[in-house]
Protein backbone atom coordinates (compact mmCIF):
# COMPACT_ATOMS: atom_id res chain seq x y z
CA UNK A 1 60.35 15.17 -125.97
CA UNK A 2 58.18 16.73 -123.72
CA UNK A 3 56.13 13.54 -123.41
CA UNK A 4 59.73 11.61 -122.01
CA UNK A 5 59.15 14.90 -119.30
CA UNK A 6 56.27 14.12 -118.08
CA UNK A 7 57.02 10.06 -118.50
CA UNK A 8 60.14 10.39 -115.91
CA UNK A 9 58.06 12.77 -113.81
CA UNK A 10 55.62 10.65 -113.32
CA UNK A 11 58.04 7.87 -112.63
CA UNK A 12 59.78 9.71 -110.12
CA UNK A 13 56.89 11.02 -108.09
CA UNK A 14 55.82 7.14 -108.22
CA UNK A 15 59.21 5.69 -107.20
CA UNK A 16 59.31 8.36 -104.30
CA UNK A 17 55.54 7.32 -103.69
CA UNK A 18 56.34 3.85 -103.09
CA UNK A 19 59.31 4.19 -101.12
CA UNK A 20 57.50 6.22 -98.65
CA UNK A 21 54.97 3.92 -98.44
CA UNK A 22 56.76 1.02 -97.80
CA UNK A 23 58.40 3.00 -94.86
CA UNK A 24 55.55 3.39 -94.02
CA UNK A 25 55.41 -0.34 -92.63
CA UNK A 26 58.18 0.67 -90.41
CA UNK A 27 56.54 2.56 -87.87
CA UNK A 28 59.42 4.71 -85.29
CA UNK A 29 57.40 4.30 -82.89
CA UNK A 30 58.79 2.67 -80.15
CA UNK A 31 55.73 1.15 -78.54
CA UNK A 32 52.43 0.75 -78.56
CA UNK A 33 51.05 4.17 -78.22
CA UNK A 34 47.26 5.67 -76.87
CA UNK A 35 45.55 7.94 -79.69
CA UNK A 36 42.77 9.48 -79.18
CA UNK A 37 40.21 9.73 -82.73
CA UNK A 38 37.83 12.98 -82.54
CA UNK A 39 35.41 12.51 -85.49
CA UNK A 40 34.99 16.45 -85.42
CA UNK A 41 39.20 16.14 -86.92
CA UNK A 42 39.47 16.62 -90.04
CA UNK A 43 41.95 14.40 -92.35
CA UNK A 44 44.71 16.63 -92.90
CA UNK A 45 45.01 16.92 -88.80
CA UNK A 46 44.72 13.11 -88.39
CA UNK A 47 47.81 12.51 -90.21
CA UNK A 48 49.91 15.68 -88.49
CA UNK A 49 48.51 13.72 -85.52
CA UNK A 50 49.71 10.01 -86.51
CA UNK A 51 53.23 11.68 -87.83
CA UNK A 52 54.14 14.08 -84.34
CA UNK A 53 53.48 10.18 -82.42
CA UNK A 54 55.59 8.19 -85.08
CA UNK A 55 52.92 6.07 -86.01
CA UNK A 56 53.44 6.77 -89.48
CA UNK A 57 56.88 7.74 -91.68
CA UNK A 58 54.92 10.31 -93.23
CA UNK A 59 51.53 12.18 -93.73
CA UNK A 60 51.42 12.40 -97.63
CA UNK A 61 50.43 8.12 -98.04
CA UNK A 62 48.16 8.61 -95.50
CA UNK A 63 46.08 11.91 -96.69
CA UNK A 64 45.44 9.69 -99.93
CA UNK A 65 44.69 6.50 -98.31
CA UNK A 66 42.36 8.46 -95.53
CA UNK A 67 40.05 10.22 -98.40
CA UNK A 68 40.38 6.79 -100.22
CA UNK A 69 38.37 5.04 -97.79
CA UNK A 70 36.68 7.21 -97.02
CA UNK A 71 37.74 7.48 -93.30
CA UNK A 72 37.05 10.67 -92.04
CA UNK A 73 33.10 9.83 -91.95
CA UNK A 74 33.50 6.46 -90.75
CA UNK A 75 35.54 7.91 -87.50
CA UNK A 76 34.16 8.66 -84.01
CA UNK A 77 35.38 9.99 -81.08
CA UNK A 78 36.87 7.41 -78.78
CA UNK A 79 40.86 5.82 -77.91
CA UNK A 80 42.40 3.42 -79.13
CA UNK A 81 46.11 1.74 -78.67
CA UNK A 82 47.85 1.74 -82.19
CA UNK A 83 51.02 -0.23 -82.08
CA UNK A 84 54.57 -0.01 -83.88
CA UNK A 85 55.41 -1.63 -86.88
CA UNK A 86 51.19 -1.59 -88.09
CA UNK A 87 52.44 0.32 -91.15
CA UNK A 88 49.73 3.01 -92.40
CA UNK A 89 47.21 0.18 -93.83
CA UNK A 90 47.46 -1.26 -90.39
CA UNK A 91 46.96 1.64 -89.08
CA UNK A 92 44.34 3.84 -90.67
CA UNK A 93 42.89 0.49 -90.51
CA UNK A 94 42.38 0.40 -86.90
CA UNK A 95 41.16 3.93 -86.42
CA UNK A 96 38.46 2.65 -89.12
CA UNK A 97 37.23 -0.80 -86.90
CA UNK A 98 38.14 1.30 -83.89
CA UNK A 99 36.09 0.51 -80.59
CA UNK A 100 36.67 1.60 -77.02
CA UNK A 101 39.12 -0.69 -75.24
CA UNK A 102 40.41 2.08 -73.35
CA UNK A 103 39.01 4.27 -70.72
CA UNK A 104 40.14 7.33 -68.66
CA UNK A 105 41.52 7.59 -64.85
CA UNK A 106 42.52 10.56 -62.89
CA UNK A 107 44.62 10.02 -60.13
CA UNK A 108 44.84 13.39 -58.03
CA UNK A 109 47.98 15.01 -56.00
CA UNK A 110 48.63 13.94 -52.79
CA UNK A 111 46.69 10.12 -52.32
CA UNK A 112 48.40 7.80 -51.07
CA UNK A 113 48.50 4.37 -52.06
CA UNK A 114 45.30 3.54 -50.19
CA UNK A 115 43.19 5.91 -51.92
CA UNK A 116 44.63 5.49 -55.45
CA UNK A 117 43.91 2.00 -55.08
CA UNK A 118 39.61 3.04 -54.46
CA UNK A 119 39.79 5.74 -57.27
CA UNK A 120 41.36 2.80 -59.91
CA UNK A 121 38.63 0.25 -58.41
CA UNK A 122 35.87 2.74 -59.22
CA UNK A 123 36.84 2.70 -62.79
CA UNK A 124 38.13 -0.84 -63.51
CA UNK A 125 38.10 -4.49 -62.36
CA UNK A 126 40.81 -4.58 -59.58
CA UNK A 127 42.08 -5.71 -56.37
CA UNK A 128 42.64 -3.33 -54.12
CA UNK A 129 43.63 -5.26 -51.22
CA UNK A 130 46.33 -7.14 -54.05
CA UNK A 131 47.25 -3.17 -55.79
CA UNK A 132 48.09 -1.97 -51.86
CA UNK A 133 50.15 -4.58 -51.25
CA UNK A 134 52.03 -4.82 -54.66
CA UNK A 135 52.50 -1.09 -54.68
CA UNK A 136 53.99 -1.76 -50.36
CA UNK A 137 56.35 -4.29 -51.20
CA UNK A 138 57.75 -2.56 -53.65
CA UNK A 139 58.05 1.02 -51.34
CA UNK A 140 56.53 2.71 -53.88
CA UNK A 141 54.70 5.11 -51.38
CA UNK A 142 55.12 8.52 -52.95
CA UNK A 143 56.53 7.27 -56.30
CA UNK A 144 53.00 6.82 -58.00
CA UNK A 145 52.52 9.97 -59.96
CA UNK A 146 49.04 11.97 -60.18
CA UNK A 147 48.31 12.11 -63.93
CA UNK A 148 45.85 11.07 -66.35
CA UNK A 149 45.99 7.42 -67.45
CA UNK A 150 44.28 5.84 -70.15
CA UNK A 151 43.95 2.35 -69.05
CA UNK A 152 42.34 -1.17 -70.68
CA UNK A 153 39.31 -2.65 -68.84
CA UNK A 154 41.73 -5.84 -68.60
CA UNK A 155 44.40 -3.96 -67.33
CA UNK A 156 46.35 -5.76 -64.03
CA UNK A 157 47.20 -4.31 -60.58
CA UNK A 158 50.88 -4.65 -61.65
CA UNK A 159 50.27 -3.31 -64.83
CA UNK A 160 48.90 -0.17 -63.35
CA UNK A 161 51.64 0.46 -60.70
CA UNK A 162 54.46 -0.23 -63.77
CA UNK A 163 52.19 2.55 -65.50
CA UNK A 164 52.54 4.97 -62.48
CA UNK A 165 55.74 4.46 -61.86
CA UNK A 166 57.42 4.95 -64.95
CA UNK A 167 55.47 7.81 -65.39
CA UNK A 168 56.67 9.27 -61.88
CA UNK A 169 60.46 8.05 -63.56
CA UNK A 170 59.51 10.15 -66.93
CA UNK A 171 59.16 13.75 -64.78
CA UNK A 172 61.85 13.30 -62.86
CA UNK A 173 65.01 14.52 -65.03
CA UNK A 174 68.75 15.13 -64.34
CA UNK A 175 68.08 18.55 -63.39
CA UNK A 176 66.42 17.80 -60.50
CA UNK A 177 68.63 14.67 -59.31
CA UNK A 178 71.41 17.71 -59.54
CA UNK A 179 68.71 20.02 -57.50
CA UNK A 180 68.71 18.05 -55.04
CA UNK A 181 73.05 17.04 -54.66
CA UNK A 182 73.17 20.83 -54.49
CA UNK A 183 70.91 20.27 -51.76
CA UNK A 184 72.87 18.10 -49.89
CA UNK A 185 69.52 16.53 -49.63
CA UNK A 186 68.68 12.89 -51.02
CA UNK A 187 66.17 12.73 -53.60
CA UNK A 188 64.13 10.31 -51.24
CA UNK A 189 64.10 12.96 -48.87
CA UNK A 190 63.06 14.99 -51.65
CA UNK A 191 60.28 12.71 -52.17
CA UNK A 192 59.37 12.54 -48.42
CA UNK A 193 59.48 16.38 -48.15
CA UNK A 194 57.56 17.00 -51.61
CA UNK A 195 55.12 14.54 -50.29
CA UNK A 196 53.92 16.88 -46.78
CA UNK A 197 53.99 19.29 -48.79
CA UNK A 198 51.62 18.46 -51.12
CA UNK A 199 49.00 17.62 -48.06
CA UNK A 200 49.54 20.99 -46.58
CA UNK A 201 49.67 22.99 -49.08
CA UNK A 202 45.88 24.42 -51.20
CA UNK A 203 46.71 26.90 -52.89
CA UNK A 204 49.76 26.52 -55.35
CA UNK A 205 51.72 29.25 -54.59
CA UNK A 206 52.58 28.91 -51.06
CA UNK A 207 53.99 25.75 -51.85
CA UNK A 208 57.19 26.71 -51.57
CA UNK A 209 56.49 29.02 -48.84
CA UNK A 210 55.98 25.69 -46.89
CA UNK A 211 58.75 24.03 -48.34
CA UNK A 212 61.21 26.82 -46.48
CA UNK A 213 59.16 26.45 -43.07
CA UNK A 214 59.63 22.96 -43.23
CA UNK A 215 63.59 23.27 -44.02
CA UNK A 216 63.95 26.30 -41.68
CA UNK A 217 62.39 23.62 -38.86
CA UNK A 218 64.53 20.56 -39.67
CA UNK A 219 67.40 22.90 -39.16
CA UNK A 220 67.35 24.52 -36.40
CA UNK A 221 66.56 21.14 -34.90
CA UNK A 222 62.65 21.72 -34.67
CA UNK A 223 59.96 18.68 -34.85
CA UNK A 224 57.82 19.12 -38.52
CA UNK A 225 54.45 19.28 -36.54
CA UNK A 226 52.76 18.29 -39.84
CA UNK A 227 49.20 17.78 -39.11
CA UNK A 228 49.14 15.41 -42.35
CA UNK A 229 51.55 13.01 -40.91
CA UNK A 230 49.22 12.92 -37.76
CA UNK A 231 46.60 11.90 -39.93
CA UNK A 232 48.79 9.24 -42.38
CA UNK A 233 49.74 7.89 -39.06
CA UNK A 234 46.27 7.46 -37.55
CA UNK A 235 45.48 5.91 -41.00
CA UNK A 236 42.38 8.55 -41.76
CA UNK A 237 43.70 10.89 -44.18
CA UNK A 238 39.97 12.53 -44.56
CA UNK A 239 39.72 13.38 -40.76
CA UNK A 240 38.82 17.27 -40.14
CA UNK A 241 40.09 18.15 -37.10
CA UNK A 242 43.20 16.68 -34.90
CA UNK A 243 42.67 16.44 -31.04
CA UNK A 244 45.24 15.73 -28.02
CA UNK A 245 44.77 12.12 -28.84
CA UNK A 246 45.62 12.13 -32.08
CA UNK A 247 48.88 14.11 -31.44
CA UNK A 248 50.37 11.68 -28.48
CA UNK A 249 49.26 8.83 -30.77
CA UNK A 250 52.56 6.58 -31.24
CA UNK A 251 53.77 6.13 -34.37
CA UNK A 252 57.43 7.31 -36.10
CA UNK A 253 55.06 8.96 -38.57
CA UNK A 254 53.69 11.63 -36.08
CA UNK A 255 56.57 14.73 -36.59
CA UNK A 256 54.55 15.87 -33.57
CA UNK A 257 56.98 13.17 -31.67
CA UNK A 258 59.64 12.81 -33.37
CA UNK A 259 62.27 15.15 -34.88
CA UNK A 260 63.44 14.86 -38.37
CA UNK A 261 60.91 13.81 -41.56
CA UNK A 262 58.89 10.92 -41.72
CA UNK A 263 60.23 6.82 -42.76
CA UNK A 264 58.41 7.50 -45.82
CA UNK A 265 56.02 9.37 -48.41
CA UNK A 266 53.04 10.17 -46.08
CA UNK A 267 51.33 10.50 -50.24
CA UNK A 268 52.20 10.52 -53.38
CA UNK A 269 53.35 14.37 -54.74
CA UNK A 270 52.63 16.22 -58.12
CA UNK A 271 55.38 17.07 -59.95
CA UNK A 272 54.42 20.71 -59.16
CA UNK A 273 55.33 19.91 -54.74
CA UNK A 274 58.40 17.70 -55.75
CA UNK A 275 59.78 21.15 -57.62
CA UNK A 276 58.79 23.21 -54.24
CA UNK A 277 60.87 20.55 -52.27
CA UNK A 278 64.10 21.67 -54.78
CA UNK A 279 63.34 25.18 -54.96
CA UNK A 280 62.05 26.36 -51.52
CA UNK A 281 60.92 30.41 -51.13
CA UNK A 282 64.13 32.24 -49.19
CA UNK A 283 62.08 32.87 -46.11
CA UNK A 284 62.54 32.58 -41.89
CA UNK A 285 59.14 31.29 -41.40
CA UNK A 286 59.10 28.73 -38.96
CA UNK A 287 55.69 28.63 -38.62
CA UNK A 288 52.29 28.45 -40.97
CA UNK A 289 48.74 27.76 -39.47
CA UNK A 290 46.26 27.83 -41.57
CA UNK A 291 43.30 30.84 -42.46
CA UNK A 292 40.57 28.46 -43.02
CA UNK A 293 39.65 29.20 -46.64
CA UNK A 294 43.03 27.75 -48.17
CA UNK A 295 45.72 30.56 -47.44
CA UNK A 296 47.83 30.43 -44.24
CA UNK A 297 49.39 32.64 -42.32
CA UNK A 298 53.03 32.56 -41.51
CA UNK A 299 55.07 33.58 -38.74
CA UNK A 300 59.20 34.00 -37.99
CA UNK A 301 58.24 33.90 -33.95
CA UNK A 302 56.52 31.68 -32.17
CA UNK A 303 54.81 35.09 -30.28
CA UNK A 304 53.95 35.84 -34.25
CA UNK A 305 52.61 32.81 -35.02
CA UNK A 306 49.86 32.79 -31.55
CA UNK A 307 48.92 36.25 -32.73
CA UNK A 308 48.16 34.91 -36.16
CA UNK A 309 45.98 31.93 -34.41
CA UNK A 310 44.12 34.94 -32.23
CA UNK A 311 43.62 37.16 -35.41
CA UNK A 312 42.04 33.71 -37.05
CA UNK A 313 40.24 32.35 -34.19
CA UNK A 314 38.54 35.84 -33.69
CA UNK A 315 37.65 36.12 -37.45
CA UNK A 316 35.37 32.80 -37.38
CA UNK A 317 34.04 34.20 -34.03
CA UNK A 318 32.59 37.59 -36.05
CA UNK A 319 31.89 35.28 -38.79
CA UNK A 320 29.32 33.25 -36.14
CA UNK A 321 27.64 36.24 -34.77
């Protein structure tokens, strides 16, 4: 009697195990996924992360095979791409035989297309001019999301652009589009504004205040007078100081000469600057000036703005003595 129950229990366990094993031959991941392998992680952590990424159906069969294949002792810190529908055996075998096929590229916030192409070209072999041409032809200035990407050494210019543009679309939520409607601002203008905020703000906490200044100036039909737009117009975004000839540079992007926003974004903003453009601080400020340490002095009136400039200049003069 007891023997019969034991046999039935073993049989049920075996059937369940086989079901999970078979299901693992159909992964639920929609596409290939990058998986960072760290040698120090235990086999339970590895199995858990595989399950969280939908690269396996169940942890239990994976734990069995990780132990059986002595996988943990053969792992090395690395990055690999695990494809959907590989199943448990192929997935674990790929981890075991993993070799570095991907590298990390970090694109900081606020770079324009040309700068982004240069950063990428330092890491992988791409044609910078081709990258710039494709991105510009698709009007993607402002829409290539700054982020850390893992890419193959053989990645193409178009694949990189698609990857960054897709990341932008992933991070822009339905609520963000709805918020833009509440502000009665086209979303393309939100991105445009965010690109200027990204270049003007140094301290994260000032993003929304700077956004408020620019929106206030637009409402009063004042020129934005953003130095960042001038730098973009003259094609030298690394220039430390603007001169009168720069401010007079003829370009639709020069907001010292033209009213309203420039024709398009001047950089690729991060998600926080986009949020700042969507949620500006409630402020009456119309002016700001850099204090030289990353912070800004804000003012509601021009006379106060002039005093702020004098305060900063006096501080700089004292530091020289």
